[in-house]
């Protein structure tokens, strides 16, 4: 009897041990055959970060958009009146219309005329020419520099009552202006002119001209803004 019990116990032990070993081998086989899975974090959306980097980056002074009056494609029409003095020759006045187109931000090319007369004399001069203007400050308050080349004719009793003579000149000036309405500005400018072929009493002795004017602006749109 005791021998039979021992045999049964031995068989059960062998069966359990065999089952455990087989289960362990099966688990190890599955572990080796199953590919390892790694958790990959979702891609980071850098769009907002990039946009924020560009929007937060300060623009250089010359790349600031400023007023749309001075952007590429803008246009202006204006006119100025002014006066100047000749050395010992009295006061002369000038009326100067102009039109300009902005080829890029802050830089305009244009055409202008000038109609001059000297008080109490017969001196009269008419001229027309092209000019460049650059606006380093271009907001509601603006500053500019101008240079141009002009050709024209004048008459004066100094050269004969019916004698009209041609001349050319280079004008250089600086000015500033202020926005006073949606499309209107007023400005002031000091300008000097350098002449050729002008008699001493009719041109070469002129001093600087001081001008005040008004402009009507047609705003432009930069493709960058």
C-alpha atoms as a PDB file:
ATOM      1  CA  UNK A   1       0.000   0.000   0.000  1.00  0.00           C
ATOM      2  CA  UNK A   2       2.704   2.382   0.961  1.00  0.00           C
ATOM      3  CA  UNK A   3       4.596   1.525  -2.192  1.00  0.00           C
ATOM      4  CA  UNK A   4       1.539   2.337  -4.353  1.00  0.00           C
ATOM      5  CA  UNK A   5       1.088   5.724  -2.664  1.00  0.00           C
ATOM      6  CA  UNK A   6       4.727   6.555  -3.240  1.00  0.00           C
ATOM      7  CA  UNK A   7       4.412   5.652  -6.924  1.00  0.00           C
ATOM      8  CA  UNK A   8       1.296   7.823  -7.332  1.00  0.00           C
ATOM      9  CA  UNK A   9       3.011  10.778  -5.574  1.00  0.00           C
ATOM     10  CA  UNK A  10       6.081  10.339  -7.783  1.00  0.00           C
ATOM     11  CA  UNK A  11       3.958  10.344 -10.983  1.00  0.00           C
ATOM     12  CA  UNK A  12       2.039  13.464  -9.902  1.00  0.00           C
ATOM     13  CA  UNK A  13       5.279  15.260  -9.091  1.00  0.00           C
ATOM     14  CA  UNK A  14       6.753  14.349 -12.453  1.00  0.00           C
ATOM     15  CA  UNK A  15       3.599  15.535 -14.236  1.00  0.00           C
ATOM     16  CA  UNK A  16       3.550  18.896 -12.431  1.00  0.00           C
ATOM     17  CA  UNK A  17       7.243  19.469 -13.025  1.00  0.00           C
ATOM     18  CA  UNK A  18       6.867  18.650 -16.712  1.00  0.00           C
ATOM     19  CA  UNK A  19       3.898  21.037 -17.022  1.00  0.00           C
ATOM     20  CA  UNK A  20       5.809  23.901 -15.374  1.00  0.00           C
ATOM     21  CA  UNK A  21       8.847  23.367 -17.584  1.00  0.00           C
ATOM     22  CA  UNK A  22       6.740  23.273 -20.773  1.00  0.00           C
ATOM     23  CA  UNK A  23       4.823  26.403 -19.736  1.00  0.00           C
ATOM     24  CA  UNK A  24       8.066  28.255 -19.048  1.00  0.00           C
ATOM     25  CA  UNK A  25       9.523  27.234 -22.404  1.00  0.00           C
ATOM     26  CA  UNK A  26       6.364  28.376 -24.216  1.00  0.00           C
ATOM     27  CA  UNK A  27       6.425  31.745 -22.485  1.00  0.00           C
ATOM     28  CA  UNK A  28      10.085  32.265 -23.334  1.00  0.00           C
ATOM     29  CA  UNK A  29       9.464  31.358 -26.986  1.00  0.00           C
ATOM     30  CA  UNK A  30       6.629  33.880 -27.269  1.00  0.00           C
ATOM     31  CA  UNK A  31       8.764  36.565 -25.664  1.00  0.00           C
ATOM     32  CA  UNK A  32      11.543  36.012 -28.222  1.00  0.00           C
ATOM     33  CA  UNK A  33       9.229  35.910 -31.259  1.00  0.00           C
ATOM     34  CA  UNK A  34       7.193  38.999 -30.339  1.00  0.00           C
ATOM     35  CA  UNK A  35       8.915  42.192 -31.635  1.00  0.00           C
ATOM     36  CA  UNK A  36       9.719  44.728 -29.034  1.00  0.00           C
ATOM     37  CA  UNK A  37       7.371  47.745 -29.077  1.00  0.00           C
ATOM     38  CA  UNK A  38       8.692  51.162 -28.216  1.00  0.00           C
ATOM     39  CA  UNK A  39       6.578  54.157 -27.440  1.00  0.00           C
ATOM     40  CA  UNK A  40       7.395  56.938 -29.886  1.00  0.00           C
ATOM     41  CA  UNK A  41       6.347  60.384 -28.747  1.00  0.00           C
ATOM     42  CA  UNK A  42       4.121  62.234 -31.206  1.00  0.00           C
ATOM     43  CA  UNK A  43       5.936  64.660 -33.498  1.00  0.00           C
ATOM     44  CA  UNK A  44       6.260  68.096 -32.097  1.00  0.00           C
ATOM     45  CA  UNK A  45       4.440  70.760 -34.050  1.00  0.00           C
ATOM     46  CA  UNK A  46       7.026  73.477 -34.584  1.00  0.00           C
ATOM     47  CA  UNK A  47       4.795  75.638 -36.759  1.00  0.00           C
ATOM     48  CA  UNK A  48       3.700  77.900 -33.946  1.00  0.00           C
ATOM     49  CA  UNK A  49       7.231  78.020 -32.600  1.00  0.00           C
ATOM     50  CA  UNK A  50       8.629  79.074 -35.994  1.00  0.00           C
ATOM     51  CA  UNK A  51       5.894  81.631 -36.519  1.00  0.00           C
ATOM     52  CA  UNK A  52       6.424  83.001 -33.066  1.00  0.00           C
ATOM     53  CA  UNK A  53      10.152  83.257 -33.698  1.00  0.00           C
ATOM     54  CA  UNK A  54       9.594  85.311 -36.848  1.00  0.00           C
ATOM     55  CA  UNK A  55       6.871  87.495 -35.397  1.00  0.00           C
ATOM     56  CA  UNK A  56       8.820  88.208 -32.230  1.00  0.00           C
ATOM     57  CA  UNK A  57      12.078  88.985 -34.007  1.00  0.00           C
ATOM     58  CA  UNK A  58      12.537  92.777 -34.176  1.00  0.00           C
ATOM     59  CA  UNK A  59      12.723  94.183 -37.691  1.00  0.00           C
ATOM     60  CA  UNK A  60      15.727  96.234 -38.624  1.00  0.00           C
ATOM     61  CA  UNK A  61      15.119  99.955 -38.839  1.00  0.00           C
ATOM     62  CA  UNK A  62      15.157 100.003 -42.635  1.00  0.00           C
ATOM     63  CA  UNK A  63      12.761  97.041 -42.880  1.00  0.00           C
ATOM     64  CA  UNK A  64      10.032  98.500 -40.704  1.00  0.00           C
ATOM     65  CA  UNK A  65       6.946  99.058 -42.831  1.00  0.00           C
ATOM     66  CA  UNK A  66       6.091 102.557 -41.593  1.00  0.00           C
ATOM     67  CA  UNK A  67       3.255 104.468 -43.221  1.00  0.00           C
ATOM     68  CA  UNK A  68       1.713 102.966 -46.390  1.00  0.00           C
ATOM     69  CA  UNK A  69       2.318 106.374 -48.008  1.00  0.00           C
ATOM     70  CA  UNK A  70       5.970 105.443 -48.468  1.00  0.00           C
ATOM     71  CA  UNK A  71       5.695 101.796 -49.521  1.00  0.00           C
ATOM     72  CA  UNK A  72       6.355 100.343 -52.937  1.00  0.00           C
ATOM     73  CA  UNK A  73       3.653 101.407 -55.388  1.00  0.00           C
ATOM     74  CA  UNK A  74       2.646 104.552 -53.501  1.00  0.00           C
ATOM     75  CA  UNK A  75       2.201 107.807 -55.391  1.00  0.00           C
ATOM     76  CA  UNK A  76       2.054 111.457 -54.419  1.00  0.00           C
ATOM     77  CA  UNK A  77       1.039 114.752 -55.969  1.00  0.00           C
ATOM     78  CA  UNK A  78       2.113 118.010 -54.383  1.00  0.00           C
ATOM     79  CA  UNK A  79       3.224 121.585 -54.722  1.00  0.00           C
ATOM     80  CA  UNK A  80       5.375 124.020 -52.785  1.00  0.00           C
ATOM     81  CA  UNK A  81       5.831 127.749 -52.608  1.00  0.00           C
ATOM     82  CA  UNK A  82       8.994 129.320 -51.327  1.00  0.00           C
ATOM     83  CA  UNK A  83      11.420 132.160 -51.344  1.00  0.00           C
ATOM     84  CA  UNK A  84      15.139 132.796 -51.459  1.00  0.00           C
ATOM     85  CA  UNK A  85      17.559 135.667 -51.437  1.00  0.00           C
ATOM     86  CA  UNK A  86      20.266 136.679 -53.830  1.00  0.00           C
ATOM     87  CA  UNK A  87      23.346 138.418 -52.542  1.00  0.00           C
ATOM     88  CA  UNK A  88      22.357 142.059 -52.763  1.00  0.00           C
ATOM     89  CA  UNK A  89      19.739 141.290 -55.427  1.00  0.00           C
ATOM     90  CA  UNK A  90      16.603 141.095 -53.274  1.00  0.00           C
ATOM     91  CA  UNK A  91      13.964 138.463 -52.720  1.00  0.00           C
ATOM     92  CA  UNK A  92      12.757 135.971 -55.302  1.00  0.00           C
ATOM     93  CA  UNK A  93       9.829 133.558 -55.100  1.00  0.00           C
ATOM     94  CA  UNK A  94       9.271 130.086 -56.505  1.00  0.00           C
ATOM     95  CA  UNK A  95       6.266 127.851 -57.146  1.00  0.00           C
ATOM     96  CA  UNK A  96       7.068 124.159 -57.638  1.00  0.00           C
ATOM     97  CA  UNK A  97       4.562 121.371 -58.488  1.00  0.00           C
ATOM     98  CA  UNK A  98       5.691 117.737 -58.313  1.00  0.00           C
ATOM     99  CA  UNK A  99       4.648 114.129 -58.750  1.00  0.00           C
ATOM    100  CA  UNK A 100       6.498 111.063 -57.481  1.00  0.00           C
ATOM    101  CA  UNK A 101       6.207 107.263 -57.505  1.00  0.00           C
ATOM    102  CA  UNK A 102       7.721 104.943 -54.886  1.00  0.00           C
ATOM    103  CA  UNK A 103       9.797 102.263 -56.575  1.00  0.00           C
ATOM    104  CA  UNK A 104      10.586 100.652 -53.225  1.00  0.00           C
ATOM    105  CA  UNK A 105       9.954 101.345 -49.580  1.00  0.00           C
ATOM    106  CA  UNK A 106      11.120 104.875 -48.782  1.00  0.00           C
ATOM    107  CA  UNK A 107      12.547 105.641 -52.238  1.00  0.00           C
ATOM    108  CA  UNK A 108      10.622 107.758 -54.743  1.00  0.00           C
ATOM    109  CA  UNK A 109      11.416 109.005 -58.235  1.00  0.00           C
ATOM    110  CA  UNK A 110       9.528 111.915 -59.720  1.00  0.00           C
ATOM    111  CA  UNK A 111       9.257 114.987 -61.855  1.00  0.00           C
ATOM    112  CA  UNK A 112       8.888 118.585 -60.811  1.00  0.00           C
ATOM    113  CA  UNK A 113       8.609 122.036 -62.273  1.00  0.00           C
ATOM    114  CA  UNK A 114       9.729 125.413 -60.969  1.00  0.00           C
ATOM    115  CA  UNK A 115       8.463 128.894 -61.799  1.00  0.00           C
ATOM    116  CA  UNK A 116      10.639 131.629 -60.340  1.00  0.00           C
ATOM    117  CA  UNK A 117      10.544 135.401 -60.301  1.00  0.00           C
ATOM    118  CA  UNK A 118      12.593 138.062 -58.563  1.00  0.00           C
ATOM    119  CA  UNK A 119      10.794 140.894 -56.817  1.00  0.00           C
ATOM    120  CA  UNK A 120      11.099 144.339 -58.414  1.00  0.00           C
ATOM    121  CA  UNK A 121      13.029 143.017 -61.423  1.00  0.00           C
ATOM    122  CA  UNK A 122      12.225 141.439 -64.743  1.00  0.00           C
ATOM    123  CA  UNK A 123      13.909 138.133 -63.864  1.00  0.00           C
ATOM    124  CA  UNK A 124      11.741 135.099 -64.652  1.00  0.00           C
ATOM    125  CA  UNK A 125      12.804 131.453 -64.905  1.00  0.00           C
ATOM    126  CA  UNK A 126      10.944 128.273 -65.762  1.00  0.00           C
ATOM    127  CA  UNK A 127      12.427 124.799 -65.396  1.00  0.00           C
ATOM    128  CA  UNK A 128      11.532 121.119 -65.188  1.00  0.00           C
ATOM    129  CA  UNK A 129      13.452 118.085 -64.073  1.00  0.00           C
ATOM    130  CA  UNK A 130      13.625 114.702 -62.400  1.00  0.00           C
ATOM    131  CA  UNK A 131      14.408 114.048 -58.767  1.00  0.00           C
ATOM    132  CA  UNK A 132      14.982 111.304 -56.197  1.00  0.00           C
ATOM    133  CA  UNK A 133      13.670 111.359 -52.659  1.00  0.00           C
ATOM    134  CA  UNK A 134      14.604 109.042 -49.823  1.00  0.00           C
ATOM    135  CA  UNK A 135      12.645 108.896 -46.555  1.00  0.00           C
ATOM    136  CA  UNK A 136      14.664 107.402 -43.663  1.00  0.00           C
ATOM    137  CA  UNK A 137      11.809 108.294 -41.272  1.00  0.00           C
ATOM    138  CA  UNK A 138       8.406 107.464 -42.748  1.00  0.00           C
ATOM    139  CA  UNK A 139       5.513 107.572 -40.320  1.00  0.00           C
ATOM    140  CA  UNK A 140       2.974 110.270 -39.453  1.00  0.00           C
ATOM    141  CA  UNK A 141       6.055 112.446 -39.050  1.00  0.00           C
ATOM    142  CA  UNK A 142       8.611 111.953 -41.799  1.00  0.00           C
ATOM    143  CA  UNK A 143      12.042 113.158 -42.881  1.00  0.00           C
ATOM    144  CA  UNK A 144      13.529 113.039 -46.367  1.00  0.00           C
ATOM    145  CA  UNK A 145      16.427 114.053 -48.542  1.00  0.00           C
ATOM    146  CA  UNK A 146      16.093 115.089 -52.172  1.00  0.00           C
ATOM    147  CA  UNK A 147      18.372 115.526 -55.144  1.00  0.00           C
ATOM    148  CA  UNK A 148      17.541 116.305 -58.755  1.00  0.00           C
ATOM    149  CA  UNK A 149      18.587 117.622 -62.132  1.00  0.00           C
ATOM    150  CA  UNK A 150      16.708 120.403 -63.962  1.00  0.00           C
ATOM    151  CA  UNK A 151      16.819 122.255 -67.264  1.00  0.00           C
ATOM    152  CA  UNK A 152      15.075 125.491 -68.118  1.00  0.00           C
ATOM    153  CA  UNK A 153      15.177 129.012 -69.511  1.00  0.00           C
ATOM    154  CA  UNK A 154      15.230 132.453 -67.943  1.00  0.00           C
ATOM    155  CA  UNK A 155      14.930 136.043 -69.044  1.00  0.00           C
ATOM    156  CA  UNK A 156      16.162 139.201 -67.370  1.00  0.00           C
ATOM    157  CA  UNK A 157      16.866 142.806 -68.204  1.00  0.00           C
ATOM    158  CA  UNK A 158      20.491 142.059 -67.321  1.00  0.00           C
ATOM    159  CA  UNK A 159      20.826 140.013 -70.501  1.00  0.00           C
ATOM    160  CA  UNK A 160      18.466 141.984 -72.733  1.00  0.00           C
ATOM    161  CA  UNK A 161      14.710 142.591 -72.601  1.00  0.00           C
ATOM    162  CA  UNK A 162      13.831 139.875 -75.104  1.00  0.00           C
ATOM    163  CA  UNK A 163      16.713 137.522 -74.546  1.00  0.00           C
ATOM    164  CA  UNK A 164      15.926 134.068 -73.135  1.00  0.00           C
ATOM    165  CA  UNK A 165      18.782 131.858 -72.143  1.00  0.00           C
ATOM    166  CA  UNK A 166      18.938 128.234 -71.221  1.00  0.00           C
ATOM    167  CA  UNK A 167      20.411 126.804 -68.061  1.00  0.00           C
ATOM    168  CA  UNK A 168      20.701 123.592 -66.104  1.00  0.00           C
ATOM    169  CA  UNK A 169      20.862 123.080 -62.367  1.00  0.00           C
ATOM    170  CA  UNK A 170      21.280 120.495 -59.659  1.00  0.00           C
ATOM    171  CA  UNK A 171      19.103 120.803 -56.577  1.00  0.00           C
ATOM    172  CA  UNK A 172      19.892 119.269 -53.195  1.00  0.00           C
ATOM    173  CA  UNK A 173      17.675 119.608 -50.146  1.00  0.00           C
ATOM    174  CA  UNK A 174      16.417 118.147 -46.894  1.00  0.00           C
ATOM    175  CA  UNK A 175      12.931 118.364 -45.459  1.00  0.00           C
ATOM    176  CA  UNK A 176      10.368 117.068 -43.019  1.00  0.00           C
ATOM    177  CA  UNK A 177       6.625 116.667 -43.042  1.00  0.00           C
ATOM    178  CA  UNK A 178       3.579 115.840 -40.967  1.00  0.00           C
ATOM    179  CA  UNK A 179       0.367 113.942 -41.696  1.00  0.00           C
ATOM    180  CA  UNK A 180      -2.637 116.257 -41.214  1.00  0.00           C
ATOM    181  CA  UNK A 181      -5.449 114.172 -42.758  1.00  0.00           C
ATOM    182  CA  UNK A 182      -6.096 110.703 -44.145  1.00  0.00           C
ATOM    183  CA  UNK A 183      -4.244 111.415 -47.404  1.00  0.00           C
ATOM    184  CA  UNK A 184      -2.749 114.863 -46.821  1.00  0.00           C
ATOM    185  CA  UNK A 185       0.552 116.029 -45.428  1.00  0.00           C
ATOM    186  CA  UNK A 186       2.300 119.359 -45.065  1.00  0.00           C
ATOM    187  CA  UNK A 187       6.052 119.705 -45.331  1.00  0.00           C
ATOM    188  CA  UNK A 188       8.912 122.177 -45.139  1.00  0.00           C
ATOM    189  CA  UNK A 189      12.190 122.005 -47.013  1.00  0.00           C
ATOM    190  CA  UNK A 190      15.440 123.891 -47.356  1.00  0.00           C
ATOM    191  CA  UNK A 191      17.063 123.548 -50.761  1.00  0.00           C
ATOM    192  CA  UNK A 192      20.076 124.820 -52.626  1.00  0.00           C
ATOM    193  CA  UNK A 193      20.536 124.963 -56.395  1.00  0.00           C
ATOM    194  CA  UNK A 194      23.752 124.895 -58.361  1.00  0.00           C
ATOM    195  CA  UNK A 195      23.517 126.449 -61.824  1.00  0.00           C
ATOM    196  CA  UNK A 196      25.526 126.586 -64.979  1.00  0.00           C
ATOM    197  CA  UNK A 197      25.327 129.128 -67.812  1.00  0.00           C
ATOM    198  CA  UNK A 198      23.572 131.673 -65.622  1.00  0.00           C
ATOM    199  CA  UNK A 199      24.760 135.298 -65.389  1.00  0.00           C
ATOM    200  CA  UNK A 200      25.971 136.418 -62.018  1.00  0.00           C
ATOM    201  CA  UNK A 201      22.935 138.644 -61.410  1.00  0.00           C
ATOM    202  CA  UNK A 202      20.408 135.998 -62.442  1.00  0.00           C
ATOM    203  CA  UNK A 203      21.466 132.739 -60.906  1.00  0.00           C
ATOM    204  CA  UNK A 204      24.865 132.018 -59.466  1.00  0.00           C
ATOM    205  CA  UNK A 205      24.437 134.339 -56.512  1.00  0.00           C
ATOM    206  CA  UNK A 206      21.203 132.809 -55.235  1.00  0.00           C
ATOM    207  CA  UNK A 207      21.062 131.651 -51.661  1.00  0.00           C
ATOM    208  CA  UNK A 208      19.133 128.667 -50.307  1.00  0.00           C
ATOM    209  CA  UNK A 209      15.408 128.394 -50.927  1.00  0.00           C
ATOM    210  CA  UNK A 210      12.966 127.756 -48.095  1.00  0.00           C
ATOM    211  CA  UNK A 211       9.777 126.012 -49.206  1.00  0.00           C
ATOM    212  CA  UNK A 212       6.519 124.925 -47.625  1.00  0.00           C
ATOM    213  CA  UNK A 213       4.159 122.594 -49.416  1.00  0.00           C
ATOM    214  CA  UNK A 214       1.278 120.178 -49.345  1.00  0.00           C
ATOM    215  CA  UNK A 215       1.027 116.629 -50.727  1.00  0.00           C
ATOM    216  CA  UNK A 216      -1.823 114.288 -51.572  1.00  0.00           C
ATOM    217  CA  UNK A 217      -0.841 110.645 -51.055  1.00  0.00           C
ATOM    218  CA  UNK A 218      -2.024 107.455 -52.739  1.00  0.00           C
ATOM    219  CA  UNK A 219      -0.920 104.636 -50.383  1.00  0.00           C
ATOM    220  CA  UNK A 220       1.012 101.626 -51.644  1.00  0.00           C
ATOM    221  CA  UNK A 221       1.102  98.023 -50.514  1.00  0.00           C
ATOM    222  CA  UNK A 222       4.386  96.238 -49.891  1.00  0.00           C
ATOM    223  CA  UNK A 223       4.246  92.598 -50.894  1.00  0.00           C
ATOM    224  CA  UNK A 224       6.086  91.802 -47.657  1.00  0.00           C
ATOM    225  CA  UNK A 225       3.340  93.172 -45.394  1.00  0.00           C
END
